[in-house]
Protein backbone atom coordinates (compact mmCIF):
# COMPACT_ATOMS: atom_id res chain seq x y z
CA MET A 1 208.49 137.43 10.13
CA ALA A 2 208.37 136.42 13.83
CA PRO A 3 210.05 133.11 14.78
CA PRO A 4 207.53 130.22 15.46
CA LEU A 5 209.25 129.58 18.86
CA LEU A 6 210.46 132.04 21.40
CA VAL A 7 213.11 130.96 23.88
CA ASP A 8 214.13 132.92 26.96
CA GLU A 9 215.35 132.35 30.51
CA PRO A 10 213.00 133.92 32.99
CA ALA A 11 215.40 133.02 35.80
CA PRO A 12 218.85 131.45 36.00
CA ARG A 13 218.87 127.75 35.03
CA ILE A 14 215.29 127.92 33.73
CA ARG A 15 214.51 127.78 29.95
CA ARG A 16 211.07 128.82 28.73
CA LEU A 17 209.86 127.75 25.21
CA THR A 18 206.88 129.80 23.97
CA LEU A 19 204.97 128.61 20.86
CA ASN A 20 204.63 131.79 18.89
CA ARG A 21 201.81 131.56 16.38
CA PRO A 22 199.18 133.38 18.45
CA GLU A 23 196.92 134.31 15.52
CA GLN A 24 196.50 130.59 14.85
CA LEU A 25 196.21 129.64 18.49
CA ASN A 26 199.80 128.23 18.08
CA ALA A 27 198.65 125.48 15.73
CA MET A 28 201.48 123.10 14.91
CA THR A 29 203.44 123.23 11.68
CA ALA A 30 206.54 121.43 10.56
CA GLU A 31 208.49 124.73 11.12
CA LEU A 32 207.32 124.95 14.69
CA CYS A 33 207.79 121.31 15.37
CA GLU A 34 211.31 121.23 14.03
CA ALA A 35 212.15 124.43 16.18
CA LEU A 36 210.84 122.54 19.25
CA HIS A 37 212.95 119.50 18.41
CA GLN A 38 216.06 121.66 18.09
CA GLU A 39 215.51 123.58 21.28
CA LEU A 40 214.88 120.41 23.30
CA GLN A 41 218.09 118.92 21.96
CA ARG A 42 219.92 122.00 23.01
CA ALA A 43 218.44 121.87 26.49
CA ALA A 44 219.30 118.17 26.81
CA LEU A 45 223.01 118.97 26.22
CA ASP A 46 223.08 122.02 28.55
CA ARG A 47 223.83 120.84 32.12
CA SER A 48 223.25 124.33 33.49
CA CYS A 49 219.54 124.10 32.48
CA ARG A 50 217.62 122.47 35.20
CA ALA A 51 213.91 122.88 34.17
CA VAL A 52 212.06 123.77 31.01
CA ILE A 53 208.69 125.67 30.82
CA LEU A 54 206.48 125.14 27.79
CA THR A 55 203.70 127.62 27.05
CA GLY A 56 201.90 129.49 24.25
CA ALA A 57 201.76 133.02 23.17
CA GLY A 58 198.48 134.93 23.09
CA ARG A 59 195.29 133.18 24.23
CA GLY A 60 196.14 129.62 23.18
CA PHE A 61 198.56 126.91 24.28
CA CYS A 62 198.31 124.79 21.00
CA ALA A 63 195.05 124.23 19.11
CA GLY A 64 196.48 121.12 17.43
CA LEU A 65 197.66 120.57 13.87
CA ASP A 66 197.37 123.62 11.46
CA LEU A 67 194.50 122.48 9.19
CA HIS A 68 195.83 124.97 6.47
CA GLY A 69 198.82 122.58 6.13
CA TYR A 70 201.48 121.10 8.28
CA GLY A 71 204.26 121.49 5.64
CA ALA A 72 207.05 119.02 5.24
CA ALA A 73 209.33 117.25 7.77
CA PRO A 74 213.05 117.56 7.13
CA ASP A 75 214.36 115.59 4.05
CA ASN A 76 210.79 115.15 2.62
CA ASP A 77 211.23 115.70 -1.16
CA GLY A 78 207.80 114.73 -2.58
CA SER A 79 209.05 111.72 -4.49
CA ASP A 80 207.32 109.05 -2.29
CA GLU A 81 204.00 110.13 -0.74
CA PRO A 82 203.61 107.20 1.74
CA ARG A 83 207.13 107.69 3.00
CA ASP A 84 206.70 111.48 3.29
CA ARG A 85 203.44 111.13 5.16
CA LEU A 86 205.03 108.70 7.63
CA ALA A 87 208.01 111.06 8.07
CA ASN A 88 205.60 113.88 8.86
CA GLN A 89 203.77 111.66 11.43
CA GLN A 90 207.05 110.59 13.01
CA HIS A 91 208.37 114.23 13.05
CA MET A 92 205.39 115.03 15.32
CA SER A 93 205.11 111.86 17.45
CA THR A 94 208.75 111.71 18.28
CA LEU A 95 208.44 115.19 19.78
CA ILE A 96 206.23 113.75 22.48
CA LEU A 97 208.89 111.05 23.13
CA GLN A 98 211.54 113.73 23.28
CA LEU A 99 209.73 115.48 26.15
CA ARG A 100 209.97 112.29 28.18
CA ALA A 101 213.63 111.70 27.17
CA LEU A 102 214.68 115.20 28.15
CA PRO A 103 216.84 114.99 31.34
CA GLN A 104 215.19 118.13 32.75
CA PRO A 105 211.51 118.19 33.99
CA VAL A 106 209.12 119.91 31.64
CA ILE A 107 206.40 122.15 33.10
CA ALA A 108 203.45 122.88 30.81
CA ALA A 109 201.77 126.19 31.45
CA VAL A 110 198.59 125.66 29.56
CA ASN A 111 197.36 129.24 28.96
CA GLY A 112 194.39 128.39 26.65
CA PRO A 113 193.04 125.66 24.23
CA ALA A 114 195.12 122.47 24.25
CA ALA A 115 193.66 120.22 21.57
CA GLY A 116 194.89 117.20 19.55
CA PHE A 117 198.63 117.77 19.25
CA GLY A 118 198.44 120.56 21.89
CA LEU A 119 196.88 118.13 24.39
CA ALA A 120 199.64 115.59 23.61
CA LEU A 121 202.30 118.21 24.33
CA ALA A 122 200.63 118.81 27.75
CA LEU A 123 200.38 115.05 28.47
CA GLY A 124 203.99 114.46 27.64
CA SER A 125 205.13 117.21 30.00
CA ASP A 126 205.96 116.25 33.58
CA ILE A 127 203.87 118.82 35.42
CA ARG A 128 200.82 120.67 34.08
CA TYR A 129 199.33 124.00 35.31
CA ALA A 130 196.40 125.58 33.52
CA SER A 131 194.74 128.96 33.31
CA ARG A 132 191.02 129.27 33.89
CA ASP A 133 190.66 129.77 30.18
CA ALA A 134 192.32 126.42 29.39
CA VAL A 135 190.34 123.88 27.44
CA PHE A 136 191.47 120.34 26.78
CA ARG A 137 190.32 118.17 23.91
CA VAL A 138 191.33 114.88 22.23
CA ALA A 139 190.51 116.34 18.91
CA PHE A 140 191.90 114.11 16.23
CA VAL A 141 188.59 112.25 15.77
CA ASN A 142 186.87 115.61 15.03
CA VAL A 143 188.82 115.73 11.68
CA GLY A 144 187.92 112.18 10.76
CA VAL A 145 191.01 110.30 12.06
CA SER A 146 191.83 108.17 15.10
CA ASN A 147 191.96 109.70 18.57
CA CYS A 148 194.83 107.31 19.25
CA ASP A 149 197.60 109.62 18.12
CA MET A 150 200.74 111.31 19.43
CA GLY A 151 200.97 108.94 22.46
CA THR A 152 197.58 110.11 23.74
CA SER A 153 196.19 106.52 24.00
CA TRP A 154 199.01 105.67 26.31
CA LEU A 155 199.51 108.80 28.32
CA LEU A 156 195.98 109.92 29.10
CA PRO A 157 194.78 106.66 30.86
CA ARG A 158 197.90 106.61 32.96
CA LEU A 159 197.36 110.22 34.01
CA ILE A 160 193.65 110.20 34.70
CA GLY A 161 192.46 106.53 34.49
CA ALA A 162 191.07 104.43 31.61
CA SER A 163 187.37 104.98 32.17
CA ARG A 164 187.44 108.81 31.94
CA SER A 165 190.04 108.62 29.21
CA HIS A 166 187.92 106.28 26.98
CA GLU A 167 184.92 108.69 27.44
CA LEU A 168 187.02 111.73 26.38
CA MET A 169 188.63 109.93 23.43
CA LEU A 170 185.38 108.40 22.07
CA THR A 171 183.30 111.60 22.36
CA GLY A 172 185.94 114.16 21.50
CA ARG A 173 184.34 116.53 23.88
CA ARG A 174 185.91 119.60 25.50
CA MET A 175 187.09 119.47 29.13
CA ASP A 176 187.50 122.78 30.93
CA ALA A 177 190.20 123.64 33.44
CA GLU A 178 188.14 122.98 36.50
CA GLU A 179 187.30 119.47 35.31
CA ALA A 180 190.94 118.87 34.33
CA LEU A 181 191.83 119.78 37.97
CA ARG A 182 189.16 117.54 39.40
CA VAL A 183 190.25 114.48 37.44
CA GLY A 184 193.92 115.11 38.21
CA LEU A 185 195.12 116.19 34.84
CA VAL A 186 196.50 119.37 35.95
CA ALA A 187 198.16 120.25 39.39
CA ASP A 188 196.55 123.67 39.76
CA VAL A 189 194.30 126.22 37.93
CA LEU A 190 195.17 129.91 38.12
CA ASP A 191 194.10 133.34 36.88
CA GLY A 192 195.90 135.44 34.37
CA LYS A 193 199.56 136.18 35.12
CA GLN A 194 199.48 133.79 38.11
CA LEU A 195 199.90 130.91 35.63
CA ALA A 196 203.33 132.04 34.48
CA ASP A 197 204.29 132.85 38.04
CA ARG A 198 203.27 129.44 39.31
CA ALA A 199 205.15 127.70 36.54
CA LEU A 200 208.25 129.71 37.28
CA GLU A 201 207.92 129.03 41.07
CA SER A 202 207.81 125.27 40.34
CA ALA A 203 210.80 125.49 37.96
CA LEU A 204 212.78 127.37 40.62
CA GLN A 205 211.96 124.82 43.27
CA ILE A 206 213.26 122.06 40.80
CA ALA A 207 216.32 124.07 40.00
CA SER A 208 217.24 124.39 43.68
CA LEU A 209 217.52 120.56 44.05
CA ALA A 210 220.32 118.25 43.11
CA PRO A 211 220.25 117.93 39.37
CA TRP A 212 221.37 114.31 39.25
CA GLY A 213 218.64 113.29 41.73
CA VAL A 214 216.01 115.23 39.74
CA ARG A 215 217.01 113.52 36.52
CA LEU A 216 216.98 110.07 38.06
CA THR A 217 213.56 110.83 39.58
CA LYS A 218 212.09 111.84 36.17
CA GLN A 219 213.57 108.79 34.43
CA GLY A 220 212.34 106.50 37.20
CA MET A 221 208.81 107.88 37.54
CA TRP A 222 208.12 107.45 33.85
CA ALA A 223 209.73 104.06 33.75
CA ALA A 224 207.48 103.01 36.66
CA LEU A 225 204.39 103.49 34.50
CA GLU A 226 205.75 100.67 32.21
CA ILE A 227 207.23 98.38 34.78
CA PRO A 228 204.82 95.38 35.16
CA SER A 229 205.30 94.54 38.79
CA GLU A 230 206.17 96.12 42.25
CA GLN A 231 209.20 93.77 42.52
CA ALA A 232 210.66 95.02 39.22
CA ALA A 233 209.97 98.61 40.22
CA VAL A 234 211.79 98.25 43.55
CA GLU A 235 214.75 96.57 41.96
CA PHE A 236 214.98 99.41 39.36
CA GLU A 237 214.73 101.97 42.24
CA ASP A 238 217.52 100.23 44.13
CA ARG A 239 219.95 100.53 41.30
CA GLN A 240 218.99 104.18 40.66
CA GLN A 241 219.38 105.02 44.39
CA ILE A 242 222.95 103.45 44.59
CA MET A 243 223.88 105.35 41.43
CA SER A 244 222.82 108.58 43.09
CA THR A 245 224.93 108.00 46.26
CA PHE A 246 228.14 108.21 44.12
CA GLY A 247 227.28 111.91 43.08
CA THR A 248 228.47 115.06 44.70
CA ALA A 249 224.94 116.03 45.95
CA PRO A 250 224.70 113.80 49.11
CA PRO A 251 227.68 115.17 50.91
CA GLU A 252 226.80 118.70 49.94
CA ALA A 253 223.21 118.24 51.23
CA ILE A 254 224.42 116.71 54.53
CA GLY A 255 227.05 119.42 54.92
CA ALA A 256 224.58 122.20 54.27
CA PHE A 257 222.17 120.69 56.79
CA LEU A 258 224.82 120.43 59.51
CA GLU A 259 226.09 123.94 58.73
CA LYS A 260 222.51 125.40 58.69
CA ARG A 261 222.99 126.88 55.19
CA ALA A 262 221.32 126.46 51.83
CA ALA A 263 222.81 123.70 49.71
CA GLU A 264 224.62 124.64 46.42
CA PHE A 265 224.47 121.79 43.94
CA ALA A 266 226.82 121.62 41.06
CA ASP A 267 225.48 121.28 37.52
């Protein structure tokens, strides 16, 4: 049986995670979710990894929760149904938080339908590119539950604004790739193989930069969405910036500029 998640390195310092249930449009199960948890944990501890690409096998990114059954989160034993259901819910929702906590930027290459949990995976990524076949949908309400799930009610308004987000969440309608580009949900829309190439190009750009500076930038840009005032944001930035000046990157960057060579940043 094929593994639910494929892991490869399309280039040095770049890790690619491919959801691998193509016949089910990569619908989420406990097995796939746990595989993602484990691989993200490995990436977080690997200082040689500088960027992560998340994509789907076949013609889908992730169509949401597998309606034939999610399965059981680790340690569920069936003895307490409310506890087990909450454990399943948290098994899924904490994956979105893990994307944010990952030191490396995550690039979602959305190659097809991204609905429900699949949309949340895209929203929780740092950069999103889409194929022309991509379709986005806040789909939880279409199976009779709340569309406020997996961080979507927090992430979507911050990425595209409250008014458009409320319309998408209350209607559950589909949004195609061109609309996603127009409202700013994705950074670019591409044809066919160009999607994988664009995601890799972006990952390589990130990998060429000082890793400490990139990690502080990711941490700071997400924190800024929660900081309540400009004053507080600037004070947070000040401390981050001073921390970065104690790294090895600034002298290497300055030396490379003066010597007219490419900078080589240590992991």
